[in-house]
Amino acid sequence: GGASDLAALAKATRPATRTVIGGPHATLVGAELAADDRFDVVFAGEAESLFPVLCQRLAEGAAVADLPGVVTGPPGPTTLRREPDLDALAFPAYDLFPALVRDAIARTYPLITSRGCVFGCTYCSVPVISGRRFRARSPENVLEELRRARADYGAVGFEVLDDTFNFDPERCKEICRQLIASGLRFVWSCPNGVRADRIDAELADLMARSGCELAMVGVESAQPEVLAAVNKGETIEDIERGIRLLQNAGIRVGGFFIVGLPGDSYAAQERSVAFARRLGLHAHFNMLVPYPGTRLWQWVREQGRFLRGFEEGTHFADTAAGVQSVFETPDFTAAQRRRAYEMVLTRTEQFGFLLPQALRGPRWHLTKLQLLARYDRRAVPAQLLATIRGAARAVIRRLWRRRGAAQDVGAPGA
């Protein structure tokens, strides 16, 4: 992968370079990476407090294997490194980043207010990476970071990137109250998703009043049997109730869906599309990728067949050809999963994830019509009419431009 290639390049250029890898991948498969001689140190878990210590030891030529989180080989660390007090961590120093990054965070500042997830969804690697205990920053600490973001970087908006931001609804309400009282007037969103069954009318109202404009919700599937099979802990009725509360408060709502969960099928995906359409959701469909350490990983080993390494899997891409299923099962083959993926994107009109960006003009429209004919025939007449009208308008615009150019050439003094 990219990290391996970068480490190899660093060692080829400067043989004395010490390479360290960390993050979610290293946390999931640290023992495997420790066997890769391109990496001198593999660190699993959270490293804010220990990474400076690690760097100092490497600079001094001292041993690092005794540091919590450092993986020396199988079976790896018995416990992953977790930061015990999130309020004690320093705020990100974005002033050290290039101007391009500072410009981006001025528009939308990335904010993480908690870590860990107590829920047991079989497909999710968050509890493996961040732990099953919910660790939260205090509302006061969160507001202080936002004040710094406004003062230091001119931030006018932010996005909450927590995995379970509203696990504690009362904490979220207090964050919203303090944000309202602060007068900072941020526009913000929850693009990583909120838990629908932890939304009540008061929280939805406070979110809207404090500037929240968009919240994504993890739906995963509108098929009740699929939700039960993956231990989602929510019913489809719970999810719809939470979505309606957010919408009633004036917040735009999107939904995350997954193609290929246990018990999934083409018909189940059709039900998910119908659910998204009925509720007016911006639906984001992802191809399922099993991750080591999850119960889904073991389920695939027992019930299915791996077709490629999980590192080769992608949840979505800018073309359908870039999304391949990592595994298949007898009742839902890789070809069927691919067909379901193309269907849901076609019916939700997300052709940017289906058609190559290089495709332009008539070929783009023809390919789009072919997809609609295959997966959504009822939409073909309206789309064909819209295509014809668009082409006619384009012709008229070209004719007017030519006429204007001709008049300019023939004008006196030209």
Protein backbone atom coordinates (compact mmCIF):
# COMPACT_ATOMS: atom_id res chain seq x y z
CA GLY A 1 0.00 0.00 0.00
CA GLY A 2 0.93 3.68 0.05
CA ALA A 3 2.52 3.63 3.51
CA SER A 4 4.68 0.63 2.63
CA ASP A 5 5.84 2.22 -0.61
CA LEU A 6 6.59 5.51 1.16
CA ALA A 7 8.60 3.73 3.87
CA ALA A 8 10.58 1.83 1.24
CA LEU A 9 11.31 5.07 -0.63
CA ALA A 10 12.45 6.76 2.57
CA LYS A 11 14.86 3.92 3.38
CA ALA A 12 16.16 3.78 -0.19
CA THR A 13 16.82 7.53 -0.16
CA ARG A 14 18.14 7.74 3.41
CA PRO A 15 19.09 4.28 4.72
CA ALA A 16 19.40 5.54 8.30
CA THR A 17 15.75 6.63 8.39
CA ARG A 18 13.62 5.07 11.13
CA THR A 19 10.07 4.46 9.97
CA VAL A 20 7.03 4.34 12.27
CA ILE A 21 3.51 3.33 11.23
CA GLY A 22 0.33 3.77 13.26
CA GLY A 23 -3.35 4.52 12.89
CA PRO A 24 -6.40 2.28 12.30
CA HIS A 25 -4.63 -0.16 9.94
CA ALA A 26 -1.75 -0.72 12.36
CA THR A 27 -4.22 -1.15 15.19
CA LEU A 28 -6.15 -3.84 13.31
CA VAL A 29 -3.22 -5.86 11.91
CA GLY A 30 -0.20 -4.63 13.84
CA ALA A 31 1.39 -8.08 14.16
CA GLU A 32 1.42 -8.52 10.38
CA LEU A 33 2.96 -5.09 9.84
CA ALA A 34 5.61 -5.80 12.47
CA ALA A 35 6.91 -8.56 10.19
CA ASP A 36 7.42 -6.02 7.37
CA ASP A 37 11.04 -4.84 7.46
CA ARG A 38 10.05 -1.55 5.82
CA PHE A 39 8.68 -0.48 9.22
CA ASP A 40 10.96 -0.15 12.21
CA VAL A 41 8.16 0.48 14.68
CA VAL A 42 4.46 -0.38 14.56
CA PHE A 43 2.25 1.49 17.02
CA ALA A 44 -1.29 0.26 17.77
CA GLY A 45 -3.87 2.46 19.45
CA GLU A 46 -3.79 6.13 20.38
CA ALA A 47 -0.42 7.87 20.48
CA GLU A 48 -0.81 11.55 21.35
CA SER A 49 0.95 11.22 24.70
CA LEU A 50 3.46 8.52 23.82
CA PHE A 51 4.52 9.47 20.30
CA PRO A 52 6.86 12.26 21.49
CA VAL A 53 8.42 9.77 23.93
CA LEU A 54 8.81 7.26 21.12
CA CYS A 55 10.51 9.83 18.86
CA GLN A 56 12.87 10.89 21.65
CA ARG A 57 13.91 7.30 22.29
CA LEU A 58 14.48 6.64 18.61
CA ALA A 59 16.61 9.78 18.36
CA GLU A 60 18.68 8.60 21.34
CA GLY A 61 18.96 5.04 20.04
CA ALA A 62 17.11 3.73 23.10
CA ALA A 63 14.76 0.72 23.22
CA VAL A 64 11.08 1.30 22.47
CA ALA A 65 9.60 -2.21 22.74
CA ASP A 66 8.50 -1.63 26.34
CA LEU A 67 6.27 1.35 25.44
CA PRO A 68 2.54 0.58 25.61
CA GLY A 69 1.14 0.18 22.10
CA VAL A 70 4.40 -0.75 20.38
CA VAL A 71 3.91 -4.00 18.47
CA THR A 72 6.98 -6.22 18.32
CA GLY A 73 5.33 -9.23 16.66
CA PRO A 74 2.69 -11.89 17.33
CA PRO A 75 0.56 -11.78 19.36
CA GLY A 76 1.09 -8.02 19.65
CA PRO A 77 0.17 -5.86 22.64
CA THR A 78 -2.30 -7.39 25.09
CA THR A 79 -4.02 -4.02 25.46
CA LEU A 80 -4.15 -1.18 22.98
CA ARG A 81 -3.00 2.25 24.02
CA ARG A 82 -5.93 4.57 24.95
CA GLU A 83 -5.71 8.18 26.03
CA PRO A 84 -7.32 8.27 29.49
CA ASP A 85 -8.23 11.98 29.60
CA LEU A 86 -9.28 13.59 26.33
CA ASP A 87 -9.62 17.01 27.95
CA ALA A 88 -5.90 16.90 28.74
CA LEU A 89 -4.89 16.65 25.08
CA ALA A 90 -3.61 19.75 23.31
CA PHE A 91 -5.72 21.18 20.50
CA PRO A 92 -4.45 20.55 16.96
CA ALA A 93 -1.75 23.03 15.88
CA TYR A 94 -3.02 23.78 12.39
CA ASP A 95 -0.75 26.83 12.19
CA LEU A 96 2.04 24.31 11.42
CA PHE A 97 0.18 23.06 8.34
CA PRO A 98 0.35 24.49 4.79
CA ALA A 99 -1.89 27.38 3.80
CA LEU A 100 -4.09 25.02 1.78
CA VAL A 101 -5.02 23.15 4.97
CA ARG A 102 -5.57 26.33 6.96
CA ASP A 103 -7.88 27.67 4.24
CA ALA A 104 -9.89 24.44 4.35
CA ILE A 105 -10.34 24.41 8.12
CA ALA A 106 -11.36 28.07 8.08
CA ARG A 107 -14.38 26.95 6.08
CA THR A 108 -15.02 23.67 7.92
CA TYR A 109 -13.07 22.92 11.07
CA PRO A 110 -12.78 19.15 11.88
CA LEU A 111 -13.90 18.46 15.45
CA ILE A 112 -13.74 15.22 17.46
CA THR A 113 -15.49 15.38 20.84
CA SER A 114 -15.45 11.70 21.86
CA ARG A 115 -13.91 8.31 21.17
CA GLY A 116 -15.03 4.73 21.50
CA CYS A 117 -18.33 2.95 20.88
CA VAL A 118 -20.28 0.69 23.24
CA PHE A 119 -22.50 -0.80 20.55
CA GLY A 120 -21.88 -4.22 19.05
CA CYS A 121 -22.52 -3.88 15.30
CA THR A 122 -20.81 -6.94 13.83
CA TYR A 123 -19.38 -5.10 10.81
CA CYS A 124 -17.83 -2.13 12.63
CA SER A 125 -14.15 -1.85 13.54
CA VAL A 126 -14.52 1.27 15.71
CA PRO A 127 -14.70 -0.68 19.01
CA VAL A 128 -11.54 -2.53 17.97
CA ILE A 129 -9.72 0.69 17.09
CA SER A 130 -11.06 3.13 19.69
CA GLY A 131 -12.38 0.80 22.38
CA ARG A 132 -15.79 -0.26 23.63
CA ARG A 133 -15.85 2.38 26.37
CA PHE A 134 -17.28 5.76 25.45
CA ARG A 135 -14.78 8.48 26.33
CA ALA A 136 -16.01 12.03 26.00
CA ARG A 137 -14.58 15.52 26.23
CA SER A 138 -16.40 17.97 28.47
CA PRO A 139 -18.69 20.53 26.80
CA GLU A 140 -16.45 23.29 28.19
CA ASN A 141 -13.37 21.77 26.54
CA VAL A 142 -15.21 21.42 23.22
CA LEU A 143 -16.34 25.06 23.31
CA GLU A 144 -12.81 26.20 24.12
CA GLU A 145 -11.49 24.48 21.01
CA LEU A 146 -14.18 26.14 18.91
CA ARG A 147 -13.28 29.55 20.36
CA ARG A 148 -9.65 28.90 19.48
CA ALA A 149 -10.67 27.78 15.99
CA ARG A 150 -12.48 31.07 15.42
CA ALA A 151 -9.74 33.22 16.96
CA ASP A 152 -6.70 31.46 15.44
CA TYR A 153 -7.97 30.27 12.06
CA GLY A 154 -11.10 32.33 11.39
CA ALA A 155 -13.26 29.19 11.26
CA VAL A 156 -16.88 29.86 10.36
CA GLY A 157 -18.08 26.25 10.30
CA PHE A 158 -17.19 22.87 11.73
CA GLU A 159 -18.05 19.21 11.31
CA VAL A 160 -18.34 16.70 14.16
CA LEU A 161 -16.40 13.57 13.19
CA ASP A 162 -17.24 11.44 16.24
CA ASP A 163 -18.28 7.84 15.73
CA THR A 164 -21.08 8.10 18.34
CA PHE A 165 -21.46 11.84 18.97
CA ASN A 166 -24.89 11.57 20.59
CA PHE A 167 -24.32 8.42 22.66
CA ASP A 168 -24.88 10.69 25.66
CA PRO A 169 -27.76 12.94 24.52
CA GLU A 170 -27.55 15.18 27.61
CA ARG A 171 -23.88 15.97 26.90
CA CYS A 172 -24.78 16.86 23.30
CA LYS A 173 -27.58 19.11 24.50
CA GLU A 174 -25.18 20.92 26.82
CA ILE A 175 -22.67 21.41 23.98
CA CYS A 176 -25.47 22.93 21.87
CA ARG A 177 -26.63 25.16 24.74
CA GLN A 178 -23.13 26.46 25.34
CA LEU A 179 -22.64 27.01 21.62
CA ILE A 180 -25.86 29.05 21.46
CA ALA A 181 -24.86 31.07 24.53
CA SER A 182 -21.37 31.72 23.15
CA GLY A 183 -22.67 33.79 20.24
CA LEU A 184 -20.06 32.21 17.92
CA ARG A 185 -22.71 31.47 15.27
CA PHE A 186 -21.06 28.49 13.59
CA VAL A 187 -22.67 26.48 10.81
CA TRP A 188 -21.99 22.81 11.54
CA SER A 189 -22.80 19.26 10.53
CA CYS A 190 -22.43 15.61 11.55
CA PRO A 191 -21.10 13.96 8.36
CA ASN A 192 -19.87 10.87 10.22
CA GLY A 193 -23.35 10.08 11.44
CA VAL A 194 -25.48 10.22 14.59
CA ARG A 195 -27.34 7.42 16.32
CA ALA A 196 -31.03 7.76 15.37
CA ASP A 197 -32.40 6.08 18.50
CA ARG A 198 -30.53 8.62 20.66
CA ILE A 199 -32.33 11.60 19.11
CA ASP A 200 -35.23 13.25 20.89
CA ALA A 201 -37.16 16.39 19.99
CA GLU A 202 -35.21 18.59 22.43
CA LEU A 203 -31.82 17.49 21.08
CA ALA A 204 -32.92 17.96 17.46
CA ASP A 205 -34.19 21.47 18.28
CA LEU A 206 -30.99 22.43 20.11
CA MET A 207 -28.84 21.11 17.28
CA ALA A 208 -30.76 23.22 14.77
CA ARG A 209 -30.73 26.35 16.94
CA SER A 210 -26.96 26.04 17.48
CA GLY A 211 -26.30 25.95 13.72
CA CYS A 212 -26.51 22.30 12.67
CA GLU A 213 -27.62 22.09 9.06
CA LEU A 214 -26.87 18.45 8.16
CA ALA A 215 -26.76 15.15 10.02
CA MET A 216 -26.04 11.75 8.55
CA VAL A 217 -27.71 8.71 10.10
CA GLY A 218 -26.44 5.15 9.97
CA VAL A 219 -29.39 3.25 8.51
CA GLU A 220 -27.36 0.38 6.98
CA SER A 221 -30.46 -1.47 5.71
CA ALA A 222 -34.22 -1.02 5.66
CA GLN A 223 -34.61 -4.80 5.93
CA PRO A 224 -35.40 -5.63 9.61
CA GLU A 225 -33.80 -9.07 9.37
CA VAL A 226 -30.51 -7.55 8.24
CA LEU A 227 -30.47 -5.05 11.12
CA ALA A 228 -31.08 -7.90 13.56
CA ALA A 229 -28.39 -10.09 11.97
CA VAL A 230 -25.69 -7.42 12.43
CA ASN A 231 -26.72 -6.59 16.00
CA LYS A 232 -27.48 -2.99 15.11
CA GLY A 233 -29.50 -2.50 18.28
CA GLU A 234 -32.06 -0.34 16.46
CA THR A 235 -35.22 -1.16 14.58
CA ILE A 236 -36.14 0.47 11.31
CA GLU A 237 -38.93 2.22 13.24
CA ASP A 238 -36.36 3.68 15.67
CA ILE A 239 -34.31 4.95 12.77
CA GLU A 240 -37.26 6.54 10.98
CA ARG A 241 -38.41 8.22 14.19
CA GLY A 242 -34.98 9.81 14.72
CA ILE A 243 -34.80 10.96 11.10
CA ARG A 244 -38.25 12.56 11.32
CA LEU A 245 -37.30 14.44 14.51
CA LEU A 246 -34.20 15.89 12.84
CA GLN A 247 -36.13 16.83 9.72
CA ASN A 248 -38.92 18.43 11.75
CA ALA A 249 -36.27 20.62 13.40
CA GLY A 250 -35.17 21.85 9.97
CA ILE A 251 -32.00 19.76 9.69
CA ARG A 252 -31.19 18.08 6.39
CA VAL A 253 -30.69 14.36 6.90
CA GLY A 254 -28.67 11.85 4.92
CA GLY A 255 -28.46 8.11 5.36
CA PHE A 256 -25.58 5.65 5.23
CA PHE A 257 -26.46 2.26 3.74
CA ILE A 258 -24.32 -0.87 3.26
CA VAL A 259 -24.48 -3.33 0.38
CA GLY A 260 -23.66 -6.92 1.32
CA LEU A 261 -24.38 -7.39 5.04
CA PRO A 262 -25.43 -10.84 6.31
CA GLY A 263 -28.94 -11.57 5.08
CA ASP A 264 -28.73 -8.91 2.36
CA SER A 265 -30.12 -9.38 -1.14
CA TYR A 266 -31.06 -7.45 -4.26
CA ALA A 267 -34.64 -7.23 -2.96
CA ALA A 268 -33.43 -5.91 0.40
CA GLN A 269 -31.46 -3.20 -1.38
CA GLU A 270 -34.58 -2.22 -3.32
CA ARG A 271 -36.32 -1.81 0.03
CA SER A 272 -33.50 0.44 1.25
CA VAL A 273 -33.79 2.64 -1.84
CA ALA A 274 -37.56 2.90 -1.33
CA PHE A 275 -36.99 3.85 2.32
CA ALA A 276 -34.50 6.58 1.38
CA ARG A 277 -36.82 7.97 -1.28
CA ARG A 278 -39.85 7.97 1.02
CA LEU A 279 -38.02 9.93 3.71
CA GLY A 280 -36.28 12.27 1.28
CA LEU A 281 -32.79 11.19 2.38
CA HIS A 282 -29.58 11.84 0.54
CA ALA A 283 -28.59 8.17 0.53
CA HIS A 284 -24.94 7.15 0.54
CA PHE A 285 -24.48 3.46 -0.32
CA ASN A 286 -21.22 1.70 0.57
CA MET A 287 -19.93 -1.71 -0.46
CA LEU A 288 -19.28 -3.85 2.61
CA VAL A 289 -15.62 -4.44 3.51
CA PRO A 290 -14.96 -6.89 6.39
CA TYR A 291 -12.22 -5.81 8.82
CA PRO A 292 -10.03 -8.04 10.98
CA GLY A 293 -11.09 -8.18 14.60
CA THR A 294 -14.80 -7.78 13.86
CA ARG A 295 -17.40 -10.50 14.19
CA LEU A 296 -18.23 -10.00 10.53
CA TRP A 297 -14.68 -11.02 9.64
CA GLN A 298 -15.20 -14.35 11.36
CA TRP A 299 -18.65 -14.71 9.77
CA VAL A 300 -17.15 -14.34 6.30
CA ARG A 301 -14.52 -16.97 7.09
CA GLU A 302 -17.25 -19.39 8.18
CA GLN A 303 -20.06 -18.57 5.75
CA GLY A 304 -18.37 -17.11 2.68
CA ARG A 305 -15.24 -16.93 0.59
CA PHE A 306 -12.66 -14.16 0.49
CA LEU A 307 -11.85 -13.01 -3.04
CA ARG A 308 -9.11 -10.49 -2.21
CA GLY A 309 -7.43 -8.86 0.77
CA PHE A 310 -9.47 -6.39 2.78
CA GLU A 311 -6.85 -3.74 1.95
CA GLU A 312 -8.03 -3.94 -1.67
CA GLY A 313 -11.62 -3.26 -0.72
CA THR A 314 -13.23 0.14 -1.22
CA HIS A 315 -16.57 1.27 0.15
CA PHE A 316 -17.15 3.58 -2.82
CA ALA A 317 -15.21 5.14 -5.70
CA ASP A 318 -15.71 7.60 -8.53
CA THR A 319 -16.65 4.74 -10.85
CA ALA A 320 -18.46 1.46 -10.26
CA ALA A 321 -15.48 -0.38 -11.73
CA GLY A 322 -13.42 0.82 -8.77
CA VAL A 323 -15.66 -1.00 -6.28
CA GLN A 324 -15.20 -4.75 -6.02
CA SER A 325 -16.58 -7.00 -3.30
CA VAL A 326 -13.89 -8.42 -1.04
CA PHE A 327 -15.91 -11.60 -0.48
CA GLU A 328 -19.00 -13.49 -1.54
CA THR A 329 -21.46 -15.96 -0.06
CA PRO A 330 -23.46 -18.71 -1.78
CA ASP A 331 -26.69 -16.74 -1.45
CA PHE A 332 -25.21 -13.39 -2.56
CA THR A 333 -22.36 -13.72 -5.03
CA ALA A 334 -19.86 -11.02 -5.93
CA ALA A 335 -21.62 -10.45 -9.26
CA GLN A 336 -24.96 -10.05 -7.49
CA ARG A 337 -23.44 -7.61 -5.00
CA ARG A 338 -22.00 -5.58 -7.86
CA ARG A 339 -25.39 -5.55 -9.60
CA ALA A 340 -27.12 -4.39 -6.40
CA TYR A 341 -24.51 -1.65 -5.95
CA GLU A 342 -25.10 -0.37 -9.49
CA MET A 343 -28.86 -0.53 -8.95
CA VAL A 344 -28.95 1.54 -5.75
CA LEU A 345 -26.70 4.24 -7.21
CA THR A 346 -28.76 4.37 -10.38
CA ARG A 347 -32.09 4.64 -8.55
CA THR A 348 -30.72 7.36 -6.25
CA GLU A 349 -29.25 9.18 -9.29
CA GLN A 350 -25.68 9.12 -8.01
CA PHE A 351 -24.13 8.73 -11.43
CA GLY A 352 -20.95 10.47 -10.31
CA PHE A 353 -20.09 7.23 -8.49
CA LEU A 354 -20.94 5.08 -11.51
CA LEU A 355 -19.71 6.76 -14.67
CA PRO A 356 -16.04 7.50 -15.43
CA GLN A 357 -15.20 11.19 -15.07
CA ALA A 358 -13.62 11.12 -18.53
CA LEU A 359 -17.02 10.29 -20.03
CA ARG A 360 -18.55 13.41 -21.56
CA GLY A 361 -21.34 14.59 -23.82
CA PRO A 362 -23.56 12.14 -25.70
CA ARG A 363 -21.65 9.09 -24.44
CA TRP A 364 -22.31 10.11 -20.84
CA HIS A 365 -26.04 10.52 -21.47
CA LEU A 366 -26.23 7.27 -23.44
CA THR A 367 -24.50 5.29 -20.67
CA LYS A 368 -26.77 6.87 -18.08
CA LEU A 369 -29.85 5.87 -20.09
CA GLN A 370 -28.50 2.33 -20.40
CA LEU A 371 -28.16 2.11 -16.61
CA LEU A 372 -31.68 3.42 -16.14
CA ALA A 373 -33.01 0.92 -18.68
CA ARG A 374 -31.34 -1.87 -16.72
CA TYR A 375 -32.23 -0.82 -13.18
CA ASP A 376 -35.00 1.83 -13.23
CA ARG A 377 -37.05 1.59 -16.42
CA ARG A 378 -39.85 3.82 -15.15
CA ALA A 379 -37.40 6.72 -15.02
CA VAL A 380 -36.30 6.33 -18.65
CA PRO A 381 -39.04 8.44 -20.37
CA ALA A 382 -38.55 11.43 -18.06
CA GLN A 383 -34.77 11.18 -18.31
CA LEU A 384 -34.90 10.86 -22.09
CA LEU A 385 -37.11 13.94 -22.31
CA ALA A 386 -34.77 15.87 -20.02
CA THR A 387 -31.79 14.84 -22.15
CA ILE A 388 -33.51 15.99 -25.34
CA ARG A 389 -34.49 19.31 -23.76
CA GLY A 390 -30.96 19.83 -22.49
CA ALA A 391 -29.51 19.12 -25.93
CA ALA A 392 -31.99 21.50 -27.54
CA ARG A 393 -31.10 24.28 -25.10
CA ALA A 394 -27.41 23.72 -25.80
CA VAL A 395 -28.02 24.02 -29.56
CA ILE A 396 -30.04 27.22 -29.09
CA ARG A 397 -27.29 28.72 -26.91
CA ARG A 398 -24.67 27.94 -29.57
CA LEU A 399 -26.83 29.51 -32.29
CA TRP A 400 -27.35 32.68 -30.24
CA ARG A 401 -23.62 32.95 -29.59
CA ARG A 402 -22.86 32.58 -33.31
CA ARG A 403 -25.51 35.17 -34.17
CA GLY A 404 -24.07 37.58 -31.60
CA ALA A 405 -20.57 37.06 -32.93
CA ALA A 406 -21.76 37.68 -36.51
CA GLN A 407 -23.50 40.92 -35.47
CA ASP A 408 -20.32 42.10 -33.72
CA VAL A 409 -18.28 41.45 -36.87
CA GLY A 410 -20.76 43.35 -39.05
CA ALA A 411 -21.13 46.33 -36.69
CA PRO A 412 -19.87 49.77 -37.88
CA GLY A 413 -16.21 50.28 -37.19
CA ALA A 414 -15.57 46.56 -36.86
